[in-house]
């Protein structure tokens, strides 16, 4: 017996997995439906971050139930995502702004760049 057969563990884990999947789906729909790049970045990053949070909490619950002690090693995934996501988003947003300025300057030579 692994310890995850108990409904006190299986039900919250199932709810967290469904919530994580739905949040990720909302982020993916935001990626498809939103108009410009900046809005798409926001929708996708919020959905994936919240979805990942639910999945990591579910992993901690299952890992703790199987090991019969508190297992927090799944939180390392969250640490790495929290460290890398803002840097990646900042670089992509700056590249998008720079590309937009370069396009507007090439279309109208009178435009003064900052």
N, C-alpha and C. Protein backbone atom coordinates (compact mmCIF):
# COMPACT_ATOMS: atom_id res chain seq x y z
N UNK A 1 0.83 -1.17 0.00
CA UNK A 1 0.00 0.00 0.00
C UNK A 1 0.89 1.25 0.00
N UNK A 2 0.64 2.16 -0.92
CA UNK A 2 1.51 3.33 -1.08
C UNK A 2 1.08 4.53 -0.25
N UNK A 3 -0.13 4.59 0.20
CA UNK A 3 -0.59 5.70 1.00
C UNK A 3 -1.42 6.71 0.22
N UNK A 4 -1.47 6.58 -1.11
CA UNK A 4 -2.26 7.54 -1.88
C UNK A 4 -3.65 7.01 -2.20
N UNK A 5 -3.98 5.81 -1.70
CA UNK A 5 -5.32 5.26 -1.93
C UNK A 5 -6.37 5.92 -1.04
N UNK A 6 -5.94 6.58 -0.02
CA UNK A 6 -6.87 7.24 0.90
C UNK A 6 -7.60 8.37 0.18
N UNK A 7 -8.91 8.48 0.37
CA UNK A 7 -9.63 9.58 -0.27
C UNK A 7 -9.20 10.95 0.25
N UNK A 8 -8.63 11.01 1.47
CA UNK A 8 -8.15 12.27 2.00
C UNK A 8 -6.95 12.79 1.23
N UNK A 9 -6.29 11.91 0.50
CA UNK A 9 -5.15 12.33 -0.32
C UNK A 9 -5.55 12.36 -1.79
N UNK A 10 -6.29 11.38 -2.24
CA UNK A 10 -6.62 11.27 -3.66
C UNK A 10 -7.53 12.40 -4.15
N UNK A 11 -8.50 12.81 -3.34
CA UNK A 11 -9.45 13.85 -3.77
C UNK A 11 -8.76 15.22 -3.91
N UNK A 12 -7.99 15.69 -2.91
CA UNK A 12 -7.32 16.98 -3.12
C UNK A 12 -6.32 16.96 -4.27
N UNK A 13 -5.62 15.84 -4.43
CA UNK A 13 -4.66 15.74 -5.54
C UNK A 13 -5.39 15.79 -6.87
N UNK A 14 -6.50 15.09 -6.98
CA UNK A 14 -7.28 15.11 -8.23
C UNK A 14 -7.81 16.51 -8.51
N UNK A 15 -8.30 17.19 -7.48
CA UNK A 15 -8.80 18.56 -7.66
C UNK A 15 -7.68 19.51 -8.07
N UNK A 16 -6.51 19.36 -7.47
CA UNK A 16 -5.37 20.21 -7.84
C UNK A 16 -4.92 19.95 -9.28
N UNK A 17 -4.93 18.68 -9.68
CA UNK A 17 -4.54 18.36 -11.06
C UNK A 17 -5.52 18.92 -12.07
N UNK A 18 -6.80 18.83 -11.77
CA UNK A 18 -7.82 19.39 -12.67
C UNK A 18 -7.70 20.91 -12.71
N UNK A 19 -7.52 21.54 -11.55
CA UNK A 19 -7.38 23.00 -11.50
C UNK A 19 -6.13 23.44 -12.26
N UNK A 20 -5.03 22.73 -12.09
CA UNK A 20 -3.81 23.06 -12.82
C UNK A 20 -3.98 22.93 -14.32
N UNK A 21 -4.67 21.89 -14.74
CA UNK A 21 -4.93 21.72 -16.17
C UNK A 21 -5.84 22.81 -16.72
N UNK A 22 -6.86 23.18 -15.96
CA UNK A 22 -7.77 24.24 -16.41
C UNK A 22 -7.07 25.60 -16.48
N UNK A 23 -6.23 25.89 -15.49
CA UNK A 23 -5.49 27.15 -15.51
C UNK A 23 -4.52 27.21 -16.69
N UNK A 24 -3.88 26.10 -16.98
CA UNK A 24 -2.98 26.05 -18.13
C UNK A 24 -3.77 26.19 -19.42
N UNK A 25 -4.95 25.60 -19.49
CA UNK A 25 -5.81 25.75 -20.66
C UNK A 25 -6.23 27.20 -20.86
N UNK A 26 -6.57 27.89 -19.77
CA UNK A 26 -6.93 29.30 -19.87
C UNK A 26 -5.74 30.11 -20.40
N UNK A 27 -4.55 29.81 -19.92
CA UNK A 27 -3.35 30.49 -20.44
C UNK A 27 -3.13 30.21 -21.92
N UNK A 28 -3.37 28.99 -22.34
CA UNK A 28 -3.22 28.66 -23.76
C UNK A 28 -4.28 29.36 -24.60
N UNK A 29 -5.50 29.44 -24.09
CA UNK A 29 -6.55 30.17 -24.82
C UNK A 29 -6.21 31.66 -24.91
N UNK A 30 -5.62 32.21 -23.84
CA UNK A 30 -5.17 33.59 -23.89
C UNK A 30 -4.09 33.80 -24.93
N UNK A 31 -3.25 32.81 -25.09
CA UNK A 31 -2.21 32.88 -26.12
C UNK A 31 -2.80 32.92 -27.51
N UNK A 32 -3.90 32.22 -27.71
CA UNK A 32 -4.54 32.18 -29.02
C UNK A 32 -5.43 33.40 -29.26
N UNK A 33 -6.17 33.82 -28.23
CA UNK A 33 -7.22 34.82 -28.42
C UNK A 33 -6.76 36.27 -28.33
N UNK A 34 -5.73 36.56 -27.55
CA UNK A 34 -5.35 37.95 -27.34
C UNK A 34 -4.66 38.52 -28.58
N UNK A 35 -4.75 39.85 -28.73
CA UNK A 35 -4.36 40.50 -29.99
C UNK A 35 -2.87 40.70 -30.17
N UNK A 36 -2.23 41.37 -29.22
CA UNK A 36 -0.82 41.71 -29.45
C UNK A 36 0.11 40.83 -28.61
N UNK A 37 1.37 40.95 -28.91
CA UNK A 37 2.38 40.08 -28.29
C UNK A 37 2.44 40.25 -26.77
N UNK A 38 2.39 41.51 -26.31
CA UNK A 38 2.50 41.76 -24.87
C UNK A 38 1.34 41.13 -24.11
N UNK A 39 0.14 41.24 -24.62
CA UNK A 39 -1.02 40.63 -23.97
C UNK A 39 -0.91 39.11 -24.01
N UNK A 40 -0.43 38.57 -25.09
CA UNK A 40 -0.26 37.11 -25.18
C UNK A 40 0.76 36.62 -24.16
N UNK A 41 1.83 37.35 -23.99
CA UNK A 41 2.84 36.96 -23.01
C UNK A 41 2.23 36.92 -21.61
N UNK A 42 1.43 37.91 -21.28
CA UNK A 42 0.84 37.98 -19.94
C UNK A 42 -0.12 36.81 -19.71
N UNK A 43 -0.98 36.55 -20.68
CA UNK A 43 -1.94 35.46 -20.52
C UNK A 43 -1.27 34.10 -20.37
N UNK A 44 -0.30 33.85 -21.21
CA UNK A 44 0.38 32.56 -21.17
C UNK A 44 1.21 32.39 -19.90
N UNK A 45 1.89 33.44 -19.47
CA UNK A 45 2.73 33.30 -18.28
C UNK A 45 1.89 33.15 -17.01
N UNK A 46 0.78 33.86 -16.93
CA UNK A 46 -0.08 33.72 -15.74
C UNK A 46 -0.70 32.33 -15.68
N UNK A 47 -1.20 31.85 -16.80
CA UNK A 47 -1.81 30.52 -16.82
C UNK A 47 -0.83 29.42 -16.51
N UNK A 48 0.34 29.50 -17.10
CA UNK A 48 1.31 28.43 -16.87
C UNK A 48 1.87 28.48 -15.45
N UNK A 49 2.07 29.67 -14.90
CA UNK A 49 2.61 29.78 -13.54
C UNK A 49 1.60 29.26 -12.52
N UNK A 50 0.35 29.67 -12.63
CA UNK A 50 -0.66 29.20 -11.68
C UNK A 50 -0.93 27.70 -11.86
N UNK A 51 -0.95 27.23 -13.11
CA UNK A 51 -1.13 25.81 -13.36
C UNK A 51 0.02 24.99 -12.79
N UNK A 52 1.24 25.50 -12.95
CA UNK A 52 2.41 24.82 -12.40
C UNK A 52 2.34 24.78 -10.88
N UNK A 53 1.86 25.85 -10.27
CA UNK A 53 1.74 25.88 -8.81
C UNK A 53 0.82 24.79 -8.30
N UNK A 54 -0.32 24.61 -8.97
CA UNK A 54 -1.25 23.54 -8.57
C UNK A 54 -0.62 22.16 -8.74
N UNK A 55 0.08 21.97 -9.84
CA UNK A 55 0.71 20.67 -10.08
C UNK A 55 1.82 20.37 -9.07
N UNK A 56 2.58 21.39 -8.70
CA UNK A 56 3.65 21.17 -7.73
C UNK A 56 3.08 20.85 -6.36
N UNK A 57 2.02 21.52 -5.95
CA UNK A 57 1.39 21.21 -4.66
C UNK A 57 0.86 19.77 -4.67
N UNK A 58 0.27 19.35 -5.80
CA UNK A 58 -0.20 17.96 -5.91
C UNK A 58 0.97 16.99 -5.81
N UNK A 59 2.09 17.32 -6.43
CA UNK A 59 3.28 16.45 -6.35
C UNK A 59 3.81 16.36 -4.93
N UNK A 60 3.79 17.48 -4.20
CA UNK A 60 4.26 17.47 -2.81
C UNK A 60 3.35 16.59 -1.96
N UNK A 61 2.05 16.67 -2.17
CA UNK A 61 1.12 15.85 -1.39
C UNK A 61 1.34 14.37 -1.68
N UNK A 62 1.43 14.02 -2.97
CA UNK A 62 1.64 12.60 -3.33
C UNK A 62 3.00 12.11 -2.85
N UNK A 63 4.04 12.91 -3.04
CA UNK A 63 5.38 12.51 -2.58
C UNK A 63 5.45 12.33 -1.08
N UNK A 64 4.79 13.22 -0.35
CA UNK A 64 4.76 13.10 1.11
C UNK A 64 3.98 11.87 1.55
N UNK A 65 2.88 11.56 0.87
CA UNK A 65 2.08 10.39 1.23
C UNK A 65 2.85 9.10 0.93
N UNK A 66 3.57 9.08 -0.16
CA UNK A 66 4.30 7.85 -0.51
C UNK A 66 5.53 7.65 0.37
N UNK A 67 6.19 8.74 0.76
CA UNK A 67 7.40 8.62 1.57
C UNK A 67 7.11 8.58 3.07
N UNK A 68 5.86 8.87 3.44
CA UNK A 68 5.46 8.93 4.84
C UNK A 68 6.25 9.97 5.63
N UNK A 69 6.66 11.02 4.93
CA UNK A 69 7.32 12.17 5.54
C UNK A 69 7.14 13.34 4.59
N UNK A 70 7.48 14.53 5.03
CA UNK A 70 7.31 15.72 4.20
C UNK A 70 8.34 15.71 3.08
N UNK A 71 7.90 15.67 1.85
CA UNK A 71 8.79 15.64 0.68
C UNK A 71 8.63 16.95 -0.09
N UNK A 72 9.62 17.81 0.02
CA UNK A 72 9.55 19.13 -0.60
C UNK A 72 10.44 19.26 -1.83
N UNK A 73 10.99 18.16 -2.33
CA UNK A 73 11.90 18.27 -3.46
C UNK A 73 11.21 18.74 -4.74
N UNK A 74 9.90 18.59 -4.83
CA UNK A 74 9.18 19.09 -6.01
C UNK A 74 9.14 20.61 -6.04
N UNK A 75 9.36 21.25 -4.91
CA UNK A 75 9.38 22.71 -4.88
C UNK A 75 10.57 23.29 -5.62
N UNK A 76 11.59 22.49 -5.89
CA UNK A 76 12.73 22.98 -6.68
C UNK A 76 12.29 23.40 -8.08
N UNK A 77 11.31 22.72 -8.63
CA UNK A 77 10.78 23.09 -9.95
C UNK A 77 10.24 24.50 -9.89
N UNK A 78 9.49 24.81 -8.85
CA UNK A 78 8.93 26.15 -8.70
C UNK A 78 10.03 27.19 -8.56
N UNK A 79 11.06 26.87 -7.80
CA UNK A 79 12.18 27.81 -7.63
C UNK A 79 12.82 28.11 -8.98
N UNK A 80 13.07 27.10 -9.77
CA UNK A 80 13.70 27.33 -11.07
C UNK A 80 12.80 28.11 -12.01
N UNK A 81 11.51 27.85 -11.99
CA UNK A 81 10.58 28.59 -12.84
C UNK A 81 10.48 30.05 -12.39
N UNK A 82 10.45 30.27 -11.09
CA UNK A 82 10.37 31.64 -10.57
C UNK A 82 11.64 32.42 -10.90
N UNK A 83 12.76 31.75 -10.95
CA UNK A 83 14.01 32.43 -11.29
C UNK A 83 14.10 32.73 -12.78
N UNK A 84 13.72 31.78 -13.62
CA UNK A 84 13.94 31.95 -15.06
C UNK A 84 12.82 32.66 -15.80
N UNK A 85 11.59 32.53 -15.37
CA UNK A 85 10.47 33.12 -16.11
C UNK A 85 10.52 34.64 -16.21
N UNK A 86 10.75 35.38 -15.13
CA UNK A 86 10.79 36.83 -15.27
C UNK A 86 11.91 37.32 -16.19
N UNK A 87 13.06 36.68 -16.11
CA UNK A 87 14.17 37.09 -16.98
C UNK A 87 13.83 36.84 -18.45
N UNK A 88 13.27 35.70 -18.74
CA UNK A 88 12.88 35.39 -20.12
C UNK A 88 11.79 36.32 -20.61
N UNK A 89 10.80 36.58 -19.78
CA UNK A 89 9.71 37.48 -20.18
C UNK A 89 10.22 38.89 -20.42
N UNK A 90 11.14 39.35 -19.58
CA UNK A 90 11.70 40.69 -19.76
C UNK A 90 12.47 40.78 -21.07
N UNK A 91 13.27 39.79 -21.36
CA UNK A 91 14.03 39.81 -22.62
C UNK A 91 13.11 39.77 -23.83
N UNK A 92 12.07 38.95 -23.79
CA UNK A 92 11.14 38.89 -24.91
C UNK A 92 10.37 40.19 -25.08
N UNK A 93 9.95 40.82 -23.98
CA UNK A 93 9.23 42.08 -24.07
C UNK A 93 10.12 43.19 -24.60
N UNK A 94 11.37 43.24 -24.15
CA UNK A 94 12.29 44.26 -24.67
C UNK A 94 12.55 44.06 -26.16
N UNK A 95 12.70 42.82 -26.56
CA UNK A 95 12.91 42.55 -27.98
C UNK A 95 11.70 42.97 -28.79
N UNK A 96 10.52 42.74 -28.26
CA UNK A 96 9.29 43.14 -28.95
C UNK A 96 9.19 44.65 -29.06
N UNK A 97 9.53 45.37 -27.99
CA UNK A 97 9.49 46.84 -28.04
C UNK A 97 10.53 47.38 -29.00
N UNK A 98 11.72 46.81 -28.97
CA UNK A 98 12.78 47.25 -29.89
C UNK A 98 12.38 46.99 -31.34
N UNK A 99 11.79 45.85 -31.59
CA UNK A 99 11.34 45.51 -32.94
C UNK A 99 10.25 46.47 -33.40
N UNK A 100 9.34 46.84 -32.50
CA UNK A 100 8.30 47.79 -32.84
C UNK A 100 8.86 49.16 -33.16
N UNK A 101 9.87 49.61 -32.42
CA UNK A 101 10.51 50.89 -32.70
C UNK A 101 11.26 50.86 -34.02
N UNK A 102 11.92 49.74 -34.28
CA UNK A 102 12.67 49.63 -35.54
C UNK A 102 11.72 49.66 -36.72
N UNK A 103 10.56 49.03 -36.61
CA UNK A 103 9.58 49.04 -37.69
C UNK A 103 9.03 50.44 -37.93
N UNK A 104 8.69 51.14 -36.84
CA UNK A 104 8.11 52.47 -37.00
C UNK A 104 9.15 53.45 -37.53
N UNK A 105 10.40 53.29 -37.18
CA UNK A 105 11.45 54.18 -37.68
C UNK A 105 11.72 53.93 -39.16
N UNK A 106 11.65 52.67 -39.58
CA UNK A 106 11.89 52.37 -41.00
C UNK A 106 10.71 52.80 -41.86
N UNK A 107 9.51 52.82 -41.30
CA UNK A 107 8.34 53.23 -42.06
C UNK A 107 8.27 54.75 -42.19
N UNK A 108 8.71 55.48 -41.17
CA UNK A 108 8.64 56.94 -41.18
C UNK A 108 9.99 57.47 -40.71
N UNK A 109 10.82 58.02 -41.61
CA UNK A 109 12.15 58.49 -41.21
C UNK A 109 12.11 59.69 -40.28
N UNK A 110 10.99 60.35 -40.16
CA UNK A 110 10.87 61.53 -39.29
C UNK A 110 10.67 61.16 -37.83
N UNK A 111 10.41 59.90 -37.54
CA UNK A 111 10.16 59.47 -36.17
C UNK A 111 11.46 59.55 -35.38
N UNK A 112 11.39 60.17 -34.23
CA UNK A 112 12.58 60.30 -33.37
C UNK A 112 12.57 59.14 -32.38
N UNK A 113 13.67 58.39 -32.39
CA UNK A 113 13.77 57.26 -31.45
C UNK A 113 14.31 57.77 -30.13
N UNK A 114 13.92 57.10 -29.09
CA UNK A 114 14.39 57.47 -27.74
C UNK A 114 15.74 56.91 -27.48
